[in-house]
Amino acid sequence: MTHPVLTLDLAEEADTAALGQRLAVIARPGDVIALYGDLGAGKTTLARALIRQLAGPETEAPSPTFTLVQTYRAASQASGLTIWHFDLYRLNHPGEARELGLEEAVDGLALIEWPERLGRDLPLARLEVQLSFGGAGRIARLVDLDDWSTRLNGDWRSPE
C-alpha cells in the first residue's frame, strides 16, 4: 500500500516553524505526529512552533531531551486539547515509553521526536514528518499514515 507523500523545501528556520503552525491548525485529538531527522534537522523547531500555535505564543516550550516528555494545554478552552511532546532520544528500550505516559496521550496530540525508538509500539495511524538537510536549507517529507492529506491542502502524491 502506498501512502500520500508531500515534499516541501524549507529554506529558512521560519519555514520549518510555519509548517509546525500549519499542522497545529488542522491537528485533532488522537493525532500522532512522528518527527524524524538527524540532530539539528529542525524537529524541535517544528514542535515548538506547533505547541505555541495551540498553547499561546508566549508558551515556554523547551526541548524535552532530558525530561523526555512535556505536556501543554491548548489555549482554547473549547478544545481542551492536551499536547504531549516526547523526545525519545535517550530511550534504550521501547518499553520505557510506557512509563512516560505514551498510552495516556491517545486522547491528546502526541508529538514524538525520535519515534524509531518505539519500534513496534509506534502508533500505526500517524503523520510522519521526515526532516533532512538539503539544498539551501532543509527538506520536509510528510508521509500520511492517517487522514492528514484530506486535512492539509497541498500537492500530496504517491511515493516515487
N, C-alpha and C. Protein backbone atom coordinates (compact mmCIF):
# COMPACT_ATOMS: atom_id res chain seq x y z
N MET A 1 0.84 -1.18 0.00
CA MET A 1 0.00 0.00 0.00
C MET A 1 0.88 1.24 0.00
N THR A 2 0.59 2.17 -0.87
CA THR A 2 1.33 3.42 -0.88
C THR A 2 0.55 4.47 -0.10
N HIS A 3 1.28 5.33 0.53
CA HIS A 3 0.68 6.39 1.34
C HIS A 3 0.99 7.73 0.69
N PRO A 4 0.07 8.69 0.81
CA PRO A 4 0.34 10.02 0.25
C PRO A 4 1.58 10.65 0.87
N VAL A 5 2.35 11.31 0.03
CA VAL A 5 3.58 11.96 0.45
C VAL A 5 3.59 13.39 -0.07
N LEU A 6 4.04 14.30 0.76
CA LEU A 6 4.21 15.70 0.37
C LEU A 6 5.64 16.10 0.72
N THR A 7 6.37 16.63 -0.24
CA THR A 7 7.75 17.07 -0.01
C THR A 7 7.79 18.60 -0.11
N LEU A 8 8.36 19.21 0.91
CA LEU A 8 8.44 20.67 0.99
C LEU A 8 9.88 21.12 1.18
N ASP A 9 10.26 22.19 0.50
CA ASP A 9 11.56 22.82 0.73
C ASP A 9 11.38 23.84 1.85
N LEU A 10 12.24 23.76 2.84
CA LEU A 10 12.21 24.67 3.98
C LEU A 10 13.52 25.45 3.96
N ALA A 11 13.54 26.55 3.23
CA ALA A 11 14.77 27.31 3.01
C ALA A 11 15.31 27.93 4.30
N GLU A 12 14.42 28.32 5.20
CA GLU A 12 14.84 29.00 6.43
C GLU A 12 14.16 28.36 7.64
N GLU A 13 14.68 28.64 8.81
CA GLU A 13 14.09 28.13 10.04
C GLU A 13 12.63 28.59 10.17
N ALA A 14 12.34 29.78 9.67
CA ALA A 14 10.96 30.29 9.73
C ALA A 14 10.01 29.41 8.92
N ASP A 15 10.50 28.79 7.86
CA ASP A 15 9.68 27.88 7.06
C ASP A 15 9.34 26.61 7.85
N THR A 16 10.30 26.14 8.64
CA THR A 16 10.06 24.98 9.50
C THR A 16 9.01 25.32 10.55
N ALA A 17 9.12 26.50 11.14
CA ALA A 17 8.15 26.95 12.14
C ALA A 17 6.77 27.11 11.49
N ALA A 18 6.73 27.65 10.28
CA ALA A 18 5.45 27.83 9.59
C ALA A 18 4.77 26.49 9.32
N LEU A 19 5.55 25.47 9.02
CA LEU A 19 4.98 24.13 8.83
C LEU A 19 4.37 23.64 10.14
N GLY A 20 5.06 23.85 11.25
CA GLY A 20 4.52 23.47 12.55
C GLY A 20 3.21 24.19 12.85
N GLN A 21 3.15 25.47 12.53
CA GLN A 21 1.92 26.24 12.76
C GLN A 21 0.79 25.73 11.88
N ARG A 22 1.12 25.41 10.64
CA ARG A 22 0.12 24.89 9.70
C ARG A 22 -0.46 23.56 10.19
N LEU A 23 0.41 22.70 10.71
CA LEU A 23 -0.06 21.41 11.22
C LEU A 23 -0.91 21.60 12.47
N ALA A 24 -0.57 22.58 13.30
CA ALA A 24 -1.33 22.84 14.53
C ALA A 24 -2.78 23.20 14.21
N VAL A 25 -2.98 23.96 13.17
CA VAL A 25 -4.32 24.42 12.81
C VAL A 25 -5.24 23.26 12.47
N ILE A 26 -4.70 22.18 11.92
CA ILE A 26 -5.54 21.06 11.50
C ILE A 26 -5.43 19.84 12.42
N ALA A 27 -4.61 19.95 13.46
CA ALA A 27 -4.45 18.82 14.39
C ALA A 27 -5.73 18.60 15.19
N ARG A 28 -5.97 17.32 15.52
CA ARG A 28 -7.16 16.95 16.29
C ARG A 28 -6.76 16.02 17.42
N PRO A 29 -7.63 15.91 18.43
CA PRO A 29 -7.35 14.94 19.50
C PRO A 29 -7.18 13.54 18.91
N GLY A 30 -6.19 12.83 19.42
CA GLY A 30 -5.90 11.49 18.93
C GLY A 30 -4.83 11.44 17.85
N ASP A 31 -4.40 12.60 17.35
CA ASP A 31 -3.37 12.64 16.31
C ASP A 31 -1.99 12.33 16.88
N VAL A 32 -1.18 11.71 16.04
CA VAL A 32 0.22 11.44 16.35
C VAL A 32 1.05 12.01 15.21
N ILE A 33 2.04 12.83 15.57
CA ILE A 33 3.00 13.35 14.59
C ILE A 33 4.36 12.82 14.99
N ALA A 34 4.92 11.98 14.12
CA ALA A 34 6.23 11.37 14.35
C ALA A 34 7.28 12.21 13.63
N LEU A 35 8.21 12.77 14.39
CA LEU A 35 9.23 13.67 13.84
C LEU A 35 10.57 12.95 13.71
N TYR A 36 10.97 12.71 12.48
CA TYR A 36 12.22 12.03 12.18
C TYR A 36 13.25 13.04 11.69
N GLY A 37 14.52 12.75 11.94
CA GLY A 37 15.59 13.60 11.42
C GLY A 37 16.81 13.55 12.30
N ASP A 38 17.94 13.86 11.70
CA ASP A 38 19.19 13.90 12.44
C ASP A 38 19.17 15.04 13.45
N LEU A 39 20.16 15.05 14.34
CA LEU A 39 20.32 16.16 15.27
C LEU A 39 20.43 17.46 14.48
N GLY A 40 19.68 18.46 14.89
CA GLY A 40 19.74 19.76 14.23
C GLY A 40 18.91 19.89 12.98
N ALA A 41 18.12 18.87 12.64
CA ALA A 41 17.33 18.90 11.41
C ALA A 41 16.08 19.77 11.52
N GLY A 42 15.67 20.12 12.75
CA GLY A 42 14.52 21.01 12.90
C GLY A 42 13.32 20.40 13.61
N LYS A 43 13.47 19.22 14.19
CA LYS A 43 12.35 18.57 14.87
C LYS A 43 11.80 19.43 16.00
N THR A 44 12.67 19.92 16.86
CA THR A 44 12.22 20.72 18.00
C THR A 44 11.69 22.07 17.54
N THR A 45 12.26 22.65 16.50
CA THR A 45 11.76 23.92 15.95
C THR A 45 10.33 23.75 15.48
N LEU A 46 10.06 22.68 14.76
CA LEU A 46 8.71 22.41 14.27
C LEU A 46 7.76 22.17 15.45
N ALA A 47 8.17 21.34 16.40
CA ALA A 47 7.33 21.03 17.56
C ALA A 47 7.03 22.28 18.37
N ARG A 48 8.04 23.10 18.61
CA ARG A 48 7.87 24.32 19.41
C ARG A 48 6.87 25.27 18.74
N ALA A 49 6.95 25.42 17.41
CA ALA A 49 6.02 26.30 16.69
C ALA A 49 4.60 25.75 16.76
N LEU A 50 4.45 24.45 16.65
CA LEU A 50 3.13 23.82 16.75
C LEU A 50 2.55 24.04 18.15
N ILE A 51 3.35 23.81 19.17
CA ILE A 51 2.91 23.99 20.56
C ILE A 51 2.48 25.44 20.80
N ARG A 52 3.28 26.38 20.36
CA ARG A 52 2.96 27.79 20.59
C ARG A 52 1.71 28.23 19.82
N GLN A 53 1.50 27.63 18.67
CA GLN A 53 0.29 27.94 17.89
C GLN A 53 -0.95 27.51 18.68
N LEU A 54 -0.86 26.39 19.36
CA LEU A 54 -2.02 25.87 20.10
C LEU A 54 -2.12 26.40 21.53
N ALA A 55 -0.99 26.52 22.21
CA ALA A 55 -0.99 26.88 23.63
C ALA A 55 -0.77 28.37 23.88
N GLY A 56 -0.39 29.11 22.86
CA GLY A 56 -0.16 30.54 23.00
C GLY A 56 1.27 30.90 22.68
N PRO A 57 1.48 32.05 22.05
CA PRO A 57 2.82 32.43 21.57
C PRO A 57 3.86 32.64 22.67
N GLU A 58 3.42 32.89 23.89
CA GLU A 58 4.36 33.12 25.00
C GLU A 58 4.72 31.83 25.73
N THR A 59 4.18 30.72 25.28
CA THR A 59 4.41 29.44 25.95
C THR A 59 5.88 29.04 25.89
N GLU A 60 6.45 28.76 27.05
CA GLU A 60 7.81 28.21 27.08
C GLU A 60 7.71 26.77 26.59
N ALA A 61 8.48 26.42 25.60
CA ALA A 61 8.43 25.08 25.05
C ALA A 61 9.86 24.54 24.90
N PRO A 62 10.48 24.20 26.03
CA PRO A 62 11.85 23.69 25.95
C PRO A 62 11.88 22.30 25.33
N SER A 63 13.01 21.95 24.79
CA SER A 63 13.18 20.60 24.27
C SER A 63 13.12 19.62 25.43
N PRO A 64 12.33 18.55 25.31
CA PRO A 64 12.24 17.58 26.40
C PRO A 64 13.35 16.52 26.35
N THR A 65 14.52 16.90 25.88
CA THR A 65 15.62 15.94 25.77
C THR A 65 15.93 15.27 27.10
N PHE A 66 15.93 16.03 28.18
CA PHE A 66 16.28 15.45 29.48
C PHE A 66 15.06 15.01 30.28
N THR A 67 13.94 15.71 30.13
CA THR A 67 12.73 15.31 30.86
C THR A 67 11.99 14.20 30.12
N LEU A 68 12.27 14.03 28.85
CA LEU A 68 11.69 13.03 27.95
C LEU A 68 10.27 13.36 27.50
N VAL A 69 9.51 14.09 28.31
CA VAL A 69 8.15 14.47 27.90
C VAL A 69 7.77 15.79 28.58
N GLN A 70 7.07 16.63 27.84
CA GLN A 70 6.48 17.86 28.35
C GLN A 70 5.03 17.86 27.90
N THR A 71 4.14 18.37 28.74
CA THR A 71 2.74 18.47 28.34
C THR A 71 2.30 19.93 28.40
N TYR A 72 1.34 20.25 27.53
CA TYR A 72 0.80 21.61 27.40
C TYR A 72 -0.70 21.51 27.20
N ARG A 73 -1.41 22.56 27.56
CA ARG A 73 -2.85 22.65 27.30
C ARG A 73 -3.07 23.68 26.21
N ALA A 74 -3.94 23.33 25.27
CA ALA A 74 -4.30 24.28 24.22
C ALA A 74 -4.97 25.49 24.86
N ALA A 75 -4.72 26.67 24.32
CA ALA A 75 -5.26 27.90 24.87
C ALA A 75 -6.77 27.97 24.75
N SER A 76 -7.32 27.36 23.73
CA SER A 76 -8.77 27.37 23.53
C SER A 76 -9.43 26.47 24.57
N GLN A 77 -10.23 27.07 25.42
CA GLN A 77 -10.94 26.30 26.44
C GLN A 77 -11.88 25.29 25.80
N ALA A 78 -12.39 25.62 24.63
CA ALA A 78 -13.34 24.73 23.95
C ALA A 78 -12.67 23.42 23.53
N SER A 79 -11.40 23.50 23.13
CA SER A 79 -10.75 22.29 22.64
C SER A 79 -10.35 21.36 23.78
N GLY A 80 -9.86 21.92 24.88
CA GLY A 80 -9.41 21.09 25.99
C GLY A 80 -8.29 20.14 25.61
N LEU A 81 -7.63 20.41 24.51
CA LEU A 81 -6.60 19.52 23.98
C LEU A 81 -5.32 19.56 24.83
N THR A 82 -4.81 18.41 25.15
CA THR A 82 -3.50 18.30 25.79
C THR A 82 -2.49 17.91 24.72
N ILE A 83 -1.39 18.62 24.70
CA ILE A 83 -0.31 18.35 23.74
C ILE A 83 0.80 17.65 24.51
N TRP A 84 1.20 16.51 24.03
CA TRP A 84 2.28 15.72 24.63
C TRP A 84 3.48 15.81 23.69
N HIS A 85 4.60 16.33 24.18
CA HIS A 85 5.82 16.43 23.38
C HIS A 85 6.85 15.46 23.95
N PHE A 86 7.10 14.40 23.21
CA PHE A 86 8.05 13.36 23.63
C PHE A 86 9.36 13.52 22.88
N ASP A 87 10.47 13.36 23.56
CA ASP A 87 11.79 13.27 22.93
C ASP A 87 12.39 11.96 23.42
N LEU A 88 12.43 10.98 22.54
CA LEU A 88 12.82 9.62 22.93
C LEU A 88 14.28 9.31 22.64
N TYR A 89 15.07 10.33 22.37
CA TYR A 89 16.47 10.14 22.01
C TYR A 89 17.22 9.28 23.03
N ARG A 90 16.93 9.48 24.31
CA ARG A 90 17.69 8.79 25.36
C ARG A 90 17.09 7.45 25.78
N LEU A 91 16.02 7.01 25.11
CA LEU A 91 15.45 5.71 25.47
C LEU A 91 16.37 4.58 25.01
N ASN A 92 16.45 3.55 25.82
CA ASN A 92 17.24 2.37 25.46
C ASN A 92 16.38 1.22 24.97
N HIS A 93 15.09 1.25 25.36
CA HIS A 93 14.19 0.15 25.02
C HIS A 93 12.79 0.72 24.80
N PRO A 94 12.05 0.23 23.78
CA PRO A 94 10.71 0.77 23.53
C PRO A 94 9.78 0.73 24.73
N GLY A 95 9.90 -0.26 25.60
CA GLY A 95 9.03 -0.38 26.76
C GLY A 95 9.14 0.79 27.72
N GLU A 96 10.26 1.50 27.70
CA GLU A 96 10.45 2.65 28.59
C GLU A 96 9.45 3.76 28.28
N ALA A 97 8.93 3.80 27.06
CA ALA A 97 7.98 4.86 26.69
C ALA A 97 6.67 4.73 27.45
N ARG A 98 6.31 3.53 27.84
CA ARG A 98 5.07 3.35 28.61
C ARG A 98 5.13 4.11 29.93
N GLU A 99 6.30 4.20 30.51
CA GLU A 99 6.47 4.93 31.77
C GLU A 99 6.32 6.44 31.58
N LEU A 100 6.42 6.90 30.35
CA LEU A 100 6.34 8.34 30.07
C LEU A 100 4.91 8.81 29.83
N GLY A 101 3.97 7.90 29.73
CA GLY A 101 2.58 8.28 29.51
C GLY A 101 2.15 8.23 28.05
N LEU A 102 2.87 7.51 27.22
CA LEU A 102 2.52 7.44 25.81
C LEU A 102 1.10 6.93 25.61
N GLU A 103 0.70 5.97 26.40
CA GLU A 103 -0.66 5.44 26.27
C GLU A 103 -1.71 6.47 26.69
N GLU A 104 -1.38 7.34 27.63
CA GLU A 104 -2.30 8.39 28.07
C GLU A 104 -2.47 9.47 27.01
N ALA A 105 -1.51 9.59 26.12
CA ALA A 105 -1.52 10.66 25.13
C ALA A 105 -2.51 10.40 23.99
N VAL A 106 -3.14 9.24 23.97
CA VAL A 106 -4.03 8.89 22.85
C VAL A 106 -5.21 9.84 22.72
N ASP A 107 -5.62 10.48 23.80
CA ASP A 107 -6.74 11.42 23.73
C ASP A 107 -6.29 12.84 23.41
N GLY A 108 -4.99 13.06 23.38
CA GLY A 108 -4.46 14.38 23.09
C GLY A 108 -3.78 14.38 21.73
N LEU A 109 -2.81 15.25 21.60
CA LEU A 109 -1.97 15.33 20.41
C LEU A 109 -0.57 14.92 20.82
N ALA A 110 -0.02 13.90 20.20
CA ALA A 110 1.31 13.41 20.54
C ALA A 110 2.31 13.83 19.47
N LEU A 111 3.33 14.57 19.88
CA LEU A 111 4.47 14.92 19.03
C LEU A 111 5.62 14.06 19.52
N ILE A 112 6.16 13.25 18.64
CA ILE A 112 7.17 12.28 19.07
C ILE A 112 8.46 12.49 18.27
N GLU A 113 9.48 13.01 18.94
CA GLU A 113 10.81 13.09 18.33
C GLU A 113 11.52 11.77 18.56
N TRP A 114 12.26 11.31 17.58
CA TRP A 114 12.96 10.03 17.60
C TRP A 114 11.96 8.87 17.75
N PRO A 115 10.90 8.84 16.93
CA PRO A 115 9.87 7.80 17.06
C PRO A 115 10.38 6.40 16.75
N GLU A 116 11.48 6.31 16.03
CA GLU A 116 12.04 4.98 15.72
C GLU A 116 12.43 4.22 16.98
N ARG A 117 12.62 4.93 18.09
CA ARG A 117 12.95 4.28 19.37
C ARG A 117 11.79 3.46 19.92
N LEU A 118 10.58 3.68 19.38
CA LEU A 118 9.40 2.95 19.86
C LEU A 118 9.26 1.57 19.22
N GLY A 119 9.95 1.34 18.14
CA GLY A 119 9.82 0.05 17.46
C GLY A 119 8.37 -0.22 17.10
N ARG A 120 7.88 -1.41 17.44
CA ARG A 120 6.51 -1.79 17.10
C ARG A 120 5.46 -1.08 17.95
N ASP A 121 5.88 -0.35 18.97
CA ASP A 121 4.93 0.39 19.81
C ASP A 121 4.52 1.74 19.20
N LEU A 122 5.13 2.12 18.08
CA LEU A 122 4.76 3.37 17.41
C LEU A 122 3.35 3.22 16.85
N PRO A 123 2.45 4.16 17.18
CA PRO A 123 1.08 4.06 16.65
C PRO A 123 1.07 3.98 15.12
N LEU A 124 0.20 3.13 14.60
CA LEU A 124 0.12 2.93 13.15
C LEU A 124 -0.46 4.15 12.45
N ALA A 125 -1.49 4.75 13.04
CA ALA A 125 -2.11 5.94 12.46
C ALA A 125 -1.31 7.15 12.90
N ARG A 126 -0.65 7.80 11.94
CA ARG A 126 0.23 8.92 12.28
C ARG A 126 0.58 9.71 11.03
N LEU A 127 1.13 10.88 11.27
CA LEU A 127 1.77 11.66 10.23
C LEU A 127 3.25 11.59 10.49
N GLU A 128 4.01 11.14 9.52
CA GLU A 128 5.46 11.13 9.65
C GLU A 128 6.01 12.39 8.99
N VAL A 129 6.81 13.12 9.73
CA VAL A 129 7.49 14.30 9.20
C VAL A 129 8.98 13.98 9.25
N GLN A 130 9.54 13.77 8.07
CA GLN A 130 10.95 13.41 7.95
C GLN A 130 11.71 14.65 7.52
N LEU A 131 12.52 15.18 8.42
CA LEU A 131 13.28 16.40 8.16
C LEU A 131 14.73 16.04 7.84
N SER A 132 15.24 16.66 6.79
CA SER A 132 16.62 16.38 6.39
C SER A 132 17.26 17.66 5.85
N PHE A 133 18.57 17.64 5.79
CA PHE A 133 19.32 18.76 5.22
C PHE A 133 19.36 18.58 3.71
N GLY A 134 19.17 19.68 3.00
CA GLY A 134 19.24 19.59 1.54
C GLY A 134 19.06 20.95 0.91
N GLY A 135 19.64 21.12 -0.27
CA GLY A 135 19.52 22.39 -0.97
C GLY A 135 20.04 23.53 -0.13
N ALA A 136 19.27 24.60 -0.06
CA ALA A 136 19.68 25.79 0.68
C ALA A 136 19.29 25.72 2.15
N GLY A 137 18.55 24.72 2.54
CA GLY A 137 18.10 24.63 3.92
C GLY A 137 17.77 23.21 4.31
N ARG A 138 16.49 22.98 4.51
CA ARG A 138 16.03 21.65 4.91
C ARG A 138 14.90 21.21 3.98
N ILE A 139 14.64 19.93 4.04
CA ILE A 139 13.55 19.34 3.27
C ILE A 139 12.66 18.60 4.26
N ALA A 140 11.35 18.79 4.12
CA ALA A 140 10.38 18.05 4.92
C ALA A 140 9.64 17.10 3.99
N ARG A 141 9.63 15.85 4.37
CA ARG A 141 8.88 14.84 3.63
C ARG A 141 7.78 14.34 4.57
N LEU A 142 6.54 14.66 4.24
CA LEU A 142 5.41 14.28 5.06
C LEU A 142 4.77 13.03 4.48
N VAL A 143 4.65 12.01 5.29
CA VAL A 143 4.05 10.74 4.87
C VAL A 143 2.79 10.55 5.69
N ASP A 144 1.66 10.45 5.00
CA ASP A 144 0.35 10.36 5.65
C ASP A 144 -0.02 8.90 5.89
N LEU A 145 0.00 8.50 7.16
CA LEU A 145 -0.42 7.16 7.55
C LEU A 145 -1.73 7.25 8.35
N ASP A 146 -2.49 8.29 8.10
CA ASP A 146 -3.77 8.50 8.78
C ASP A 146 -4.69 9.20 7.79
N ASP A 147 -5.18 10.40 8.11
CA ASP A 147 -6.04 11.13 7.18
C ASP A 147 -5.59 12.58 7.00
N TRP A 148 -4.31 12.84 7.23
CA TRP A 148 -3.79 14.20 7.14
C TRP A 148 -3.91 14.79 5.75
N SER A 149 -3.76 13.99 4.71
CA SER A 149 -3.79 14.54 3.35
C SER A 149 -5.16 15.08 3.00
N THR A 150 -6.20 14.63 3.69
CA THR A 150 -7.53 15.20 3.46
C THR A 150 -7.70 16.52 4.21
N ARG A 151 -6.90 16.74 5.23
CA ARG A 151 -6.99 17.96 6.03
C ARG A 151 -6.02 19.04 5.59
N LEU A 152 -4.87 18.63 5.06
CA LEU A 152 -3.81 19.57 4.71
C LEU A 152 -3.83 19.81 3.21
N ASN A 153 -4.10 21.02 2.81
CA ASN A 153 -4.06 21.34 1.38
C ASN A 153 -2.62 21.32 0.93
N GLY A 154 -2.39 20.73 -0.21
CA GLY A 154 -1.02 20.65 -0.73
C GLY A 154 -0.95 19.66 -1.87
N ASP A 155 0.21 19.48 -2.36
CA ASP A 155 0.44 18.61 -3.51
C ASP A 155 0.76 17.20 -3.02
N TRP A 156 -0.20 16.53 -2.43
CA TRP A 156 0.02 15.15 -1.97
C TRP A 156 0.09 14.24 -3.17
N ARG A 157 1.00 13.32 -3.12
CA ARG A 157 1.14 12.35 -4.20
C ARG A 157 1.68 11.06 -3.64
N SER A 158 1.60 10.01 -4.44
CA SER A 158 2.17 8.72 -4.02
C SER A 158 3.67 8.78 -4.14
N PRO A 159 4.38 8.00 -3.32
CA PRO A 159 5.84 8.00 -3.38
C PRO A 159 6.32 7.55 -4.76
N GLU A 160 7.52 8.03 -5.11
CA GLU A 160 8.09 7.66 -6.40
C GLU A 160 8.36 6.17 -6.43
